[in-house]
Each structure stands twice: as structure tokens, then as C-alpha cells.
Protein backbone atom coordinates (compact mmCIF):
# COMPACT_ATOMS: atom_id res chain seq x y z
CA MET A 1 -196.38 -131.97 32.37
CA GLY A 2 -199.81 -130.55 31.52
CA ARG A 3 -201.73 -128.16 33.67
CA THR A 4 -204.03 -129.62 36.30
CA LEU A 5 -206.25 -126.53 36.41
CA LYS A 6 -207.75 -125.90 32.99
CA LYS A 7 -210.33 -123.19 33.76
CA PHE A 8 -211.24 -120.68 36.43
CA ASN A 9 -214.27 -122.71 37.55
CA ASP A 10 -211.88 -125.43 38.76
CA LEU A 11 -211.35 -123.16 41.78
CA SER A 12 -214.87 -124.03 42.93
CA PHE A 13 -213.39 -127.39 43.99
CA PHE A 14 -210.84 -125.76 46.35
CA ASP A 15 -211.38 -126.00 50.09
CA ASN A 16 -210.99 -122.86 52.21
CA LEU A 17 -207.39 -123.59 53.19
CA ALA A 18 -206.39 -124.03 49.54
CA LEU A 19 -208.09 -120.70 48.77
CA VAL A 20 -206.23 -119.05 51.66
CA TYR A 21 -202.90 -120.19 50.20
CA LEU A 22 -203.92 -119.04 46.74
CA CYS A 23 -205.02 -115.59 47.94
CA ARG A 24 -201.90 -115.20 50.06
CA GLU A 25 -199.63 -115.92 47.08
CA THR A 26 -201.51 -113.80 44.56
CA PRO A 27 -200.64 -110.09 44.38
CA PRO A 28 -203.59 -107.82 45.30
CA PRO A 29 -203.72 -106.10 41.87
CA THR A 30 -204.05 -109.51 40.21
CA LEU A 31 -206.80 -110.55 42.63
CA ALA A 32 -208.65 -107.30 41.93
CA LEU A 33 -208.60 -107.99 38.18
CA VAL A 34 -209.66 -111.60 38.78
CA PHE A 35 -212.70 -110.42 40.74
CA LEU A 36 -213.75 -108.29 37.76
CA GLU A 37 -213.85 -111.48 35.66
CA ALA A 38 -214.87 -114.05 38.27
CA ASP A 39 -217.97 -116.14 38.63
CA PRO A 40 -219.84 -114.66 41.64
CA LYS A 41 -219.78 -117.95 43.58
CA ILE A 42 -216.01 -118.32 43.29
CA ALA A 43 -215.43 -114.62 43.92
CA GLY A 44 -217.50 -114.91 47.10
CA SER A 45 -215.43 -117.89 48.23
CA LEU A 46 -212.19 -116.04 47.56
CA LEU A 47 -213.40 -112.89 49.33
CA GLY A 48 -214.58 -114.99 52.26
CA VAL A 49 -211.07 -116.20 53.07
CA LEU A 50 -209.46 -112.73 52.96
CA ASP A 51 -208.85 -110.77 56.12
CA THR A 52 -210.77 -107.51 56.46
CA LYS A 53 -207.88 -105.19 55.55
CA ARG A 54 -206.88 -107.14 52.46
CA ARG A 55 -210.51 -107.40 51.34
CA ALA A 56 -210.93 -103.61 51.67
CA TYR A 57 -207.69 -103.00 49.77
CA ILE A 58 -208.75 -105.29 46.93
CA HIS A 59 -212.17 -103.59 46.75
CA LYS A 60 -210.33 -100.25 46.48
CA LEU A 61 -208.15 -101.60 43.66
CA MET A 62 -211.23 -102.91 41.88
CA SER A 63 -212.97 -99.53 42.06
CA GLU A 64 -209.83 -97.81 40.76
CA ALA A 65 -209.40 -100.25 37.89
CA GLY A 66 -211.84 -98.39 35.66
CA GLU A 67 -212.17 -99.84 32.21
CA VAL A 68 -209.86 -102.82 31.98
CA SER A 69 -209.69 -104.79 28.78
CA GLU A 70 -211.04 -108.31 28.66
CA GLU A 71 -207.56 -109.45 27.63
CA THR A 72 -206.06 -107.97 30.82
CA ARG A 73 -208.72 -109.60 33.03
CA LYS A 74 -208.19 -112.97 31.32
CA ALA A 75 -204.42 -112.62 31.78
CA ALA A 76 -205.00 -112.05 35.52
CA VAL A 77 -207.14 -115.20 35.70
CA ASP A 78 -204.46 -117.17 33.86
CA GLY A 79 -201.87 -115.81 36.29
CA LEU A 80 -204.00 -116.92 39.24
CA LEU A 81 -204.27 -120.42 37.75
CA LEU A 82 -200.49 -120.53 37.29
CA ILE A 83 -200.03 -119.57 40.94
CA ALA A 84 -202.44 -122.36 41.91
CA GLU A 85 -200.44 -124.81 39.76
CA ASN A 86 -197.29 -123.72 41.56
CA LEU A 87 -198.94 -124.38 44.93
CA LEU A 88 -199.87 -127.87 43.70
CA GLN A 89 -196.26 -128.48 42.65
CA LYS A 90 -195.03 -127.29 46.06
CA ASP A 91 -197.48 -129.74 47.67
CA LEU A 92 -199.24 -126.98 49.64
CA ILE A 93 -202.40 -127.97 47.80
CA THR A 94 -203.23 -131.57 46.96
CA LYS A 95 -205.80 -132.96 44.56
CA LYS A 96 -208.02 -135.85 45.64
CA GLY A 97 -210.50 -136.83 42.97
CA ASN A 98 -212.09 -133.63 41.71
CA TYR A 99 -211.28 -131.69 44.89
CA TYR A 100 -208.31 -129.65 46.04
CA PHE A 101 -207.26 -129.41 49.68
CA GLY A 102 -204.83 -127.11 51.41
CA LYS A 103 -202.20 -128.99 53.38
CA GLU A 104 -202.22 -128.28 57.10
CA MET A 105 -198.79 -127.05 58.01
CA ASP A 106 -196.87 -127.46 61.22
CA VAL A 107 -196.14 -124.11 62.90
CA ARG A 108 -192.42 -124.55 62.05
CA GLU A 109 -193.30 -124.76 58.33
CA ARG A 110 -195.21 -121.47 58.22
CA SER A 111 -192.33 -119.07 57.82
């Protein structure tokens, strides 16, 4: 089966809940590298769904990253897209047309 998400800009079609799931599943160091590579609009959307502590931690990791190769940043973006694909396969995110929506979960499902 081919990948649904072909490029980073596909994340601009994610609703906030889908972004919450994606940020929750992505390790902070990977998110920090993604933000170094990200389109400002998508980065703003991702940052907007993070809680204050996690946002501060990721900013700290970004400032500590120093000079990171383009290859490393692109690998982080590819990793993020693979995590998003996994969330689609788990049915936590669904695609409807061009848009991606996070699935509302029952409280019993959230563990």
C-alpha cells in the first residue's frame, strides 16, 4: 500500500485533533528538527496544539540543535509523516476528501 501523505504540506489539511495526535506520538527531538524545516503556517498550527510545557521544551531543543544538516531535518520530516501514516492505519485519523480529521475517542479508549 502506498503512502497517503506524500509531502510535509499535506499536514496543512489536518484538523487540530489530528495534529494533537500527531504531536503526542512524535518524540520531542523529532518535532524540534521538524520545526527547523517546517513551513511557518504548518509549524504555527503544530505549535498551537502543544501544551505550554511541551512547547517550551521543544523550543529549548530547537535552540540547542545548532547546525543540523539538511539531511537530518528531512529525515525528521519523513519520520513525522510515517508517524502520521501509522495514525491513519490505526484509524485515529481519517481522511475525507483532501482533509484529515482526528477521531473523537470515548474516555475509555484514551489510555
